[in-house]
Amino acid sequence: MSNEQAGNKSAPKKQANAQAQYTVSTADLPLSCPMPDMKQWNSHPKVYLPIEYTGTTECPYCGAVFVLNDGAVSEPSI
């Protein structure tokens, strides 16, 4: 059943792992690959990626690079 048949008017999901690099914002945190707006049925298992303190990270499954456009946040002091 398609989204329209089900009465769901949300935007179609993007193909997962289609790009080599993605730019994300703090609104996308916690960051996972594939991201929630991507199809997951034909992708690797969902994995959460640490990006907050470095500003970049790479998915260990597909090699996609994620860049935080808001920049890294300061690491909390202990």
PDB file of N, CA and C in Angstrom:
ATOM      1  N   MET A   1       0.847  -1.166   0.000  1.00  0.00           N
ATOM      2  CA  MET A   1       0.000   0.000   0.000  1.00  0.00           C
ATOM      3  C   MET A   1       0.897   1.236   0.000  1.00  0.00           C
ATOM      4  N   SER A   2       0.676   2.172  -0.884  1.00  0.00           N
ATOM      5  CA  SER A   2       1.489   3.378  -0.963  1.00  0.00           C
ATOM      6  C   SER A   2       1.078   4.373   0.109  1.00  0.00           C
ATOM      7  N   ASN A   3       1.902   5.422   0.295  1.00  0.00           N
ATOM      8  CA  ASN A   3       1.578   6.464   1.269  1.00  0.00           C
ATOM      9  C   ASN A   3       0.248   7.125   0.946  1.00  0.00           C
ATOM     10  N   GLU A   4      -0.030   7.371  -0.340  1.00  0.00           N
ATOM     11  CA  GLU A   4      -1.275   8.025  -0.726  1.00  0.00           C
ATOM     12  C   GLU A   4      -2.467   7.117  -0.469  1.00  0.00           C
ATOM     13  N   GLN A   5      -2.320   5.818  -0.739  1.00  0.00           N
ATOM     14  CA  GLN A   5      -3.402   4.888  -0.496  1.00  0.00           C
ATOM     15  C   GLN A   5      -3.724   4.802   0.987  1.00  0.00           C
ATOM     16  N   ALA A   6      -2.707   4.928   1.817  1.00  0.00           N
ATOM     17  CA  ALA A   6      -2.896   4.850   3.257  1.00  0.00           C
ATOM     18  C   ALA A   6      -3.383   6.175   3.839  1.00  0.00           C
ATOM     19  N   GLY A   7      -3.490   7.218   3.002  1.00  0.00           N
ATOM     20  CA  GLY A   7      -3.929   8.510   3.492  1.00  0.00           C
ATOM     21  C   GLY A   7      -2.808   9.332   4.085  1.00  0.00           C
ATOM     22  N   ASN A   8      -1.573   8.882   3.942  1.00  0.00           N
ATOM     23  CA  ASN A   8      -0.412   9.575   4.487  1.00  0.00           C
ATOM     24  C   ASN A   8       0.137  10.512   3.420  1.00  0.00           C
ATOM     25  N   LYS A   9       0.107  11.794   3.675  1.00  0.00           N
ATOM     26  CA  LYS A   9       0.549  12.785   2.697  1.00  0.00           C
ATOM     27  C   LYS A   9       1.976  13.264   2.958  1.00  0.00           C
ATOM     28  N   SER A  10       2.746  12.563   3.786  1.00  0.00           N
ATOM     29  CA  SER A  10       4.113  12.982   4.088  1.00  0.00           C
ATOM     30  C   SER A  10       5.003  12.813   2.864  1.00  0.00           C
ATOM     31  N   ALA A  11       6.107  13.518   2.858  1.00  0.00           N
ATOM     32  CA  ALA A  11       7.047  13.455   1.738  1.00  0.00           C
ATOM     33  C   ALA A  11       7.649  12.058   1.641  1.00  0.00           C
ATOM     34  N   PRO A  12       7.928  11.612   0.425  1.00  0.00           N
ATOM     35  CA  PRO A  12       8.555  10.293   0.279  1.00  0.00           C
ATOM     36  C   PRO A  12       9.950  10.297   0.888  1.00  0.00           C
ATOM     37  N   LYS A  13      10.358   9.157   1.404  1.00  0.00           N
ATOM     38  CA  LYS A  13      11.685   9.058   2.015  1.00  0.00           C
ATOM     39  C   LYS A  13      12.762   9.003   0.944  1.00  0.00           C
ATOM     40  N   LYS A  14      13.934   9.540   1.303  1.00  0.00           N
ATOM     41  CA  LYS A  14      15.084   9.551   0.395  1.00  0.00           C
ATOM     42  C   LYS A  14      15.739   8.174   0.354  1.00  0.00           C
ATOM     43  N   GLN A  15      16.439   7.923  -0.737  1.00  0.00           N
ATOM     44  CA  GLN A  15      17.220   6.700  -0.853  1.00  0.00           C
ATOM     45  C   GLN A  15      18.357   6.756   0.172  1.00  0.00           C
ATOM     46  N   ALA A  16      18.509   5.732   0.959  1.00  0.00           N
ATOM     47  CA  ALA A  16      19.570   5.687   1.966  1.00  0.00           C
ATOM     48  C   ALA A  16      20.928   5.484   1.304  1.00  0.00           C
ATOM     49  N   ASN A  17      21.939   6.068   1.891  1.00  0.00           N
ATOM     50  CA  ASN A  17      23.333   5.873   1.480  1.00  0.00           C
ATOM     51  C   ASN A  17      23.573   6.253   0.021  1.00  0.00           C
ATOM     52  N   ALA A  18      22.860   7.260  -0.470  1.00  0.00           N
ATOM     53  CA  ALA A  18      22.983   7.664  -1.870  1.00  0.00           C
ATOM     54  C   ALA A  18      24.073   8.713  -2.082  1.00  0.00           C
ATOM     55  N   GLN A  19      24.515   9.357  -1.025  1.00  0.00           N
ATOM     56  CA  GLN A  19      25.529  10.400  -1.131  1.00  0.00           C
ATOM     57  C   GLN A  19      26.771   9.989  -0.353  1.00  0.00           C
ATOM     58  N   ALA A  20      27.897  10.570  -0.732  1.00  0.00           N
ATOM     59  CA  ALA A  20      29.144  10.308  -0.014  1.00  0.00           C
ATOM     60  C   ALA A  20      29.282  11.222   1.194  1.00  0.00           C
ATOM     61  N   GLN A  21      28.606  12.385   1.163  1.00  0.00           N
ATOM     62  CA  GLN A  21      28.688  13.337   2.270  1.00  0.00           C
ATOM     63  C   GLN A  21      27.329  13.971   2.508  1.00  0.00           C
ATOM     64  N   TYR A  22      26.991  14.149   3.779  1.00  0.00           N
ATOM     65  CA  TYR A  22      25.742  14.780   4.188  1.00  0.00           C
ATOM     66  C   TYR A  22      26.064  15.908   5.152  1.00  0.00           C
ATOM     67  N   THR A  23      25.382  17.023   5.006  1.00  0.00           N
ATOM     68  CA  THR A  23      25.493  18.124   5.953  1.00  0.00           C
ATOM     69  C   THR A  23      24.278  18.064   6.861  1.00  0.00           C
ATOM     70  N   VAL A  24      24.513  18.050   8.171  1.00  0.00           N
ATOM     71  CA  VAL A  24      23.439  17.935   9.149  1.00  0.00           C
ATOM     72  C   VAL A  24      23.523  19.105  10.122  1.00  0.00           C
ATOM     73  N   SER A  25      22.457  19.311  10.895  1.00  0.00           N
ATOM     74  CA  SER A  25      22.441  20.376  11.896  1.00  0.00           C
ATOM     75  C   SER A  25      22.178  19.776  13.272  1.00  0.00           C
ATOM     76  N   THR A  26      22.240  20.599  14.295  1.00  0.00           N
ATOM     77  CA  THR A  26      21.987  20.102  15.649  1.00  0.00           C
ATOM     78  C   THR A  26      20.548  19.606  15.788  1.00  0.00           C
ATOM     79  N   ALA A  27      19.646  20.053  14.916  1.00  0.00           N
ATOM     80  CA  ALA A  27      18.268  19.559  14.941  1.00  0.00           C
ATOM     81  C   ALA A  27      18.198  18.082  14.550  1.00  0.00           C
ATOM     82  N   ASP A  28      19.228  17.576  13.866  1.00  0.00           N
ATOM     83  CA  ASP A  28      19.275  16.175  13.442  1.00  0.00           C
ATOM     84  C   ASP A  28      19.845  15.245  14.513  1.00  0.00           C
ATOM     85  N   LEU A  29      20.262  15.803  15.635  1.00  0.00           N
ATOM     86  CA  LEU A  29      20.869  14.988  16.695  1.00  0.00           C
ATOM     87  C   LEU A  29      19.796  14.336  17.542  1.00  0.00           C
ATOM     88  N   PRO A  30      19.995  13.133  18.049  1.00  0.00           N
ATOM     89  CA  PRO A  30      21.157  12.292  17.836  1.00  0.00           C
ATOM     90  C   PRO A  30      21.205  11.804  16.393  1.00  0.00           C
ATOM     91  N   LEU A  31      22.393  11.746  15.840  1.00  0.00           N
ATOM     92  CA  LEU A  31      22.601  11.409  14.443  1.00  0.00           C
ATOM     93  C   LEU A  31      22.666   9.901  14.255  1.00  0.00           C
ATOM     94  N   SER A  32      21.922   9.422  13.276  1.00  0.00           N
ATOM     95  CA  SER A  32      21.979   7.997  12.938  1.00  0.00           C
ATOM     96  C   SER A  32      22.145   7.851  11.434  1.00  0.00           C
ATOM     97  N   CYS A  33      22.700   6.733  11.039  1.00  0.00           N
ATOM     98  CA  CYS A  33      22.797   6.390   9.618  1.00  0.00           C
ATOM     99  C   CYS A  33      22.188   5.013   9.467  1.00  0.00           C
ATOM    100  N   PRO A  34      21.197   4.856   8.622  1.00  0.00           N
ATOM    101  CA  PRO A  34      20.546   5.886   7.830  1.00  0.00           C
ATOM    102  C   PRO A  34      19.721   6.823   8.715  1.00  0.00           C
ATOM    103  N   MET A  35      19.538   8.051   8.211  1.00  0.00           N
ATOM    104  CA  MET A  35      18.783   9.065   8.946  1.00  0.00           C
ATOM    105  C   MET A  35      17.284   8.752   8.866  1.00  0.00           C
ATOM    106  N   PRO A  36      16.478   9.319   9.774  1.00  0.00           N
ATOM    107  CA  PRO A  36      15.040   9.012   9.807  1.00  0.00           C
ATOM    108  C   PRO A  36      14.295   9.321   8.509  1.00  0.00           C
ATOM    109  N   ASP A  37      14.778  10.274   7.708  1.00  0.00           N
ATOM    110  CA  ASP A  37      14.077  10.614   6.465  1.00  0.00           C
ATOM    111  C   ASP A  37      14.520   9.745   5.285  1.00  0.00           C
ATOM    112  N   MET A  38      15.267   8.681   5.563  1.00  0.00           N
ATOM    113  CA  MET A  38      15.762   7.779   4.521  1.00  0.00           C
ATOM    114  C   MET A  38      15.060   6.431   4.606  1.00  0.00           C
ATOM    115  N   LYS A  39      14.933   5.801   3.456  1.00  0.00           N
ATOM    116  CA  LYS A  39      14.397   4.440   3.422  1.00  0.00           C
ATOM    117  C   LYS A  39      15.354   3.536   4.183  1.00  0.00           C
ATOM    118  N   GLN A  40      14.801   2.664   4.992  1.00  0.00           N
ATOM    119  CA  GLN A  40      15.669   1.785   5.777  1.00  0.00           C
ATOM    120  C   GLN A  40      15.553   0.328   5.372  1.00  0.00           C
ATOM    121  N   TRP A  41      14.592  -0.018   4.589  1.00  0.00           N
ATOM    122  CA  TRP A  41      14.377  -1.424   4.252  1.00  0.00           C
ATOM    123  C   TRP A  41      15.500  -2.009   3.409  1.00  0.00           C
ATOM    124  N   ASN A  42      16.223  -1.162   2.654  1.00  0.00           N
ATOM    125  CA  ASN A  42      17.289  -1.685   1.789  1.00  0.00           C
ATOM    126  C   ASN A  42      18.644  -1.101   2.160  1.00  0.00           C
ATOM    127  N   SER A  43      18.841  -0.839   3.425  1.00  0.00           N
ATOM    128  CA  SER A  43      20.082  -0.229   3.893  1.00  0.00           C
ATOM    129  C   SER A  43      20.719  -1.118   4.955  1.00  0.00           C
ATOM    130  N   HIS A  44      21.853  -0.661   5.458  1.00  0.00           N
ATOM    131  CA  HIS A  44      22.520  -1.370   6.546  1.00  0.00           C
ATOM    132  C   HIS A  44      21.778  -1.122   7.861  1.00  0.00           C
ATOM    133  N   PRO A  45      22.127  -1.858   8.916  1.00  0.00           N
ATOM    134  CA  PRO A  45      21.478  -1.625  10.218  1.00  0.00           C
ATOM    135  C   PRO A  45      21.701  -0.188  10.684  1.00  0.00           C
ATOM    136  N   LYS A  46      20.724   0.356  11.393  1.00  0.00           N
ATOM    137  CA  LYS A  46      20.841   1.720  11.920  1.00  0.00           C
ATOM    138  C   LYS A  46      21.951   1.762  12.964  1.00  0.00           C
ATOM    139  N   VAL A  47      22.795   2.772  12.856  1.00  0.00           N
ATOM    140  CA  VAL A  47      23.877   2.965  13.809  1.00  0.00           C
ATOM    141  C   VAL A  47      23.878   4.440  14.205  1.00  0.00           C
ATOM    142  N   TYR A  48      24.068   4.711  15.488  1.00  0.00           N
ATOM    143  CA  TYR A  48      24.146   6.093  15.972  1.00  0.00           C
ATOM    144  C   TYR A  48      25.600   6.545  15.926  1.00  0.00           C
ATOM    145  N   LEU A  49      25.799   7.776  15.443  1.00  0.00           N
ATOM    146  CA  LEU A  49      27.148   8.279  15.183  1.00  0.00           C
ATOM    147  C   LEU A  49      27.475   9.471  16.078  1.00  0.00           C
ATOM    148  N   PRO A  50      28.644   9.468  16.712  1.00  0.00           N
ATOM    149  CA  PRO A  50      29.066  10.614  17.526  1.00  0.00           C
ATOM    150  C   PRO A  50      29.595  11.726  16.620  1.00  0.00           C
ATOM    151  N   ILE A  51      28.999  12.892  16.706  1.00  0.00           N
ATOM    152  CA  ILE A  51      29.425  14.015  15.872  1.00  0.00           C
ATOM    153  C   ILE A  51      29.516  15.300  16.681  1.00  0.00           C
ATOM    154  N   GLU A  52      28.940  15.309  17.865  1.00  0.00           N
ATOM    155  CA  GLU A  52      28.784  16.545  18.629  1.00  0.00           C
ATOM    156  C   GLU A  52      30.088  17.277  18.920  1.00  0.00           C
ATOM    157  N   TYR A  53      31.144  16.553  19.269  1.00  0.00           N
ATOM    158  CA  TYR A  53      32.365  17.204  19.730  1.00  0.00           C
ATOM    159  C   TYR A  53      33.413  17.396  18.635  1.00  0.00           C
ATOM    160  N   THR A  54      33.288  16.667  17.530  1.00  0.00           N
ATOM    161  CA  THR A  54      34.274  16.789  16.456  1.00  0.00           C
ATOM    162  C   THR A  54      33.750  17.575  15.266  1.00  0.00           C
ATOM    163  N   GLY A  55      32.429  17.561  15.059  1.00  0.00           N
ATOM    164  CA  GLY A  55      31.843  18.265  13.921  1.00  0.00           C
ATOM    165  C   GLY A  55      31.788  17.424  12.656  1.00  0.00           C
ATOM    166  N   THR A  56      32.454  16.270  12.646  1.00  0.00           N
ATOM    167  CA  THR A  56      32.391  15.340  11.506  1.00  0.00           C
ATOM    168  C   THR A  56      32.434  13.914  12.034  1.00  0.00           C
ATOM    169  N   THR A  57      31.893  13.008  11.244  1.00  0.00           N
ATOM    170  CA  THR A  57      31.954  11.591  11.577  1.00  0.00           C
ATOM    171  C   THR A  57      31.724  10.784  10.309  1.00  0.00           C
ATOM    172  N   GLU A  58      32.108   9.524  10.341  1.00  0.00           N
ATOM    173  CA  GLU A  58      31.950   8.642   9.191  1.00  0.00           C
ATOM    174  C   GLU A  58      31.204   7.384   9.615  1.00  0.00           C
ATOM    175  N   CYS A  59      30.259   6.956   8.799  1.00  0.00           N
ATOM    176  CA  CYS A  59      29.507   5.743   9.087  1.00  0.00           C
ATOM    177  C   CYS A  59      30.419   4.531   8.861  1.00  0.00           C
ATOM    178  N   PRO A  60      30.515   3.641   9.842  1.00  0.00           N
ATOM    179  CA  PRO A  60      31.374   2.469   9.677  1.00  0.00           C
ATOM    180  C   PRO A  60      30.824   1.448   8.677  1.00  0.00           C
ATOM    181  N   TYR A  61      29.548   1.523   8.352  1.00  0.00           N
ATOM    182  CA  TYR A  61      28.951   0.578   7.402  1.00  0.00           C
ATOM    183  C   TYR A  61      29.102   1.021   5.958  1.00  0.00           C
ATOM    184  N   CYS A  62      28.663   2.250   5.655  1.00  0.00           N
ATOM    185  CA  CYS A  62      28.624   2.681   4.253  1.00  0.00           C
ATOM    186  C   CYS A  62      29.693   3.707   3.898  1.00  0.00           C
ATOM    187  N   GLY A  63      30.389   4.253   4.898  1.00  0.00           N
ATOM    188  CA  GLY A  63      31.453   5.205   4.636  1.00  0.00           C
ATOM    189  C   GLY A  63      30.980   6.626   4.388  1.00  0.00           C
ATOM    190  N   ALA A  64      29.674   6.886   4.518  1.00  0.00           N
ATOM    191  CA  ALA A  64      29.164   8.251   4.337  1.00  0.00           C
ATOM    192  C   ALA A  64      29.756   9.165   5.403  1.00  0.00           C
ATOM    193  N   VAL A  65      30.145  10.350   4.991  1.00  0.00           N
ATOM    194  CA  VAL A  65      30.710  11.345   5.900  1.00  0.00           C
ATOM    195  C   VAL A  65      29.611  12.331   6.252  1.00  0.00           C
ATOM    196  N   PHE A  66      29.476  12.637   7.530  1.00  0.00           N
ATOM    197  CA  PHE A  66      28.493  13.595   8.016  1.00  0.00           C
ATOM    198  C   PHE A  66      29.233  14.793   8.590  1.00  0.00           C
ATOM    199  N   VAL A  67      28.795  15.994   8.201  1.00  0.00           N
ATOM    200  CA  VAL A  67      29.413  17.239   8.662  1.00  0.00           C
ATOM    201  C   VAL A  67      28.342  18.047   9.381  1.00  0.00           C
ATOM    202  N   LEU A  68      28.649  18.481  10.584  1.00  0.00           N
ATOM    203  CA  LEU A  68      27.728  19.277  11.382  1.00  0.00           C
ATOM    204  C   LEU A  68      27.877  20.729  10.975  1.00  0.00           C
ATOM    205  N   ASN A  69      26.838  21.302  10.331  1.00  0.00           N
ATOM    206  CA  ASN A  69      26.960  22.657   9.802  1.00  0.00           C
ATOM    207  C   ASN A  69      26.953  23.721  10.885  1.00  0.00           C
ATOM    208  N   ASP A  70      26.504  23.373  12.085  1.00  0.00           N
ATOM    209  CA  ASP A  70      26.509  24.312  13.202  1.00  0.00           C
ATOM    210  C   ASP A  70      27.864  24.313  13.899  1.00  0.00           C
ATOM    211  N   GLY A  71      28.764  23.434  13.485  1.00  0.00           N
ATOM    212  CA  GLY A  71      30.077  23.304  14.112  1.00  0.00           C
ATOM    213  C   GLY A  71      30.004  22.447  15.348  1.00  0.00           C
ATOM    214  N   ALA A  72      31.138  21.991  15.777  1.00  0.00           N
ATOM    215  CA  ALA A  72      31.219  21.152  16.976  1.00  0.00           C
ATOM    216  C   ALA A  72      30.907  21.978  18.214  1.00  0.00           C
ATOM    217  N   VAL A  73      30.350  21.320  19.194  1.00  0.00           N
ATOM    218  CA  VAL A  73      30.086  21.973  20.471  1.00  0.00           C
ATOM    219  C   VAL A  73      31.223  21.631  21.418  1.00  0.00           C
ATOM    220  N   SER A  74      31.431  22.455  22.401  1.00  0.00           N
ATOM    221  CA  SER A  74      32.496  22.213  23.356  1.00  0.00           C
ATOM    222  C   SER A  74      32.247  20.948  24.141  1.00  0.00           C
ATOM    223  N   GLU A  75      33.317  20.199  24.343  1.00  0.00           N
ATOM    224  CA  GLU A  75      33.203  18.990  25.149  1.00  0.00           C
ATOM    225  C   GLU A  75      33.005  19.404  26.599  1.00  0.00           C
ATOM    226  N   PRO A  76      32.085  18.753  27.307  1.00  0.00           N
ATOM    227  CA  PRO A  76      31.838  19.152  28.697  1.00  0.00           C
ATOM    228  C   PRO A  76      33.054  18.906  29.574  1.00  0.00           C
ATOM    229  N   SER A  77      33.295  19.807  30.487  1.00  0.00           N
ATOM    230  CA  SER A  77      34.414  19.606  31.415  1.00  0.00           C
ATOM    231  C   SER A  77      33.970  18.693  32.530  1.00  0.00           C
ATOM    232  N   ILE A  78      34.910  17.937  33.018  1.00  0.00           N
ATOM    233  CA  ILE A  78      34.586  16.948  34.069  1.00  0.00           C
ATOM    234  C   ILE A  78      34.920  17.508  35.433  1.00  0.00           C
TER     235      ILE A  78
END
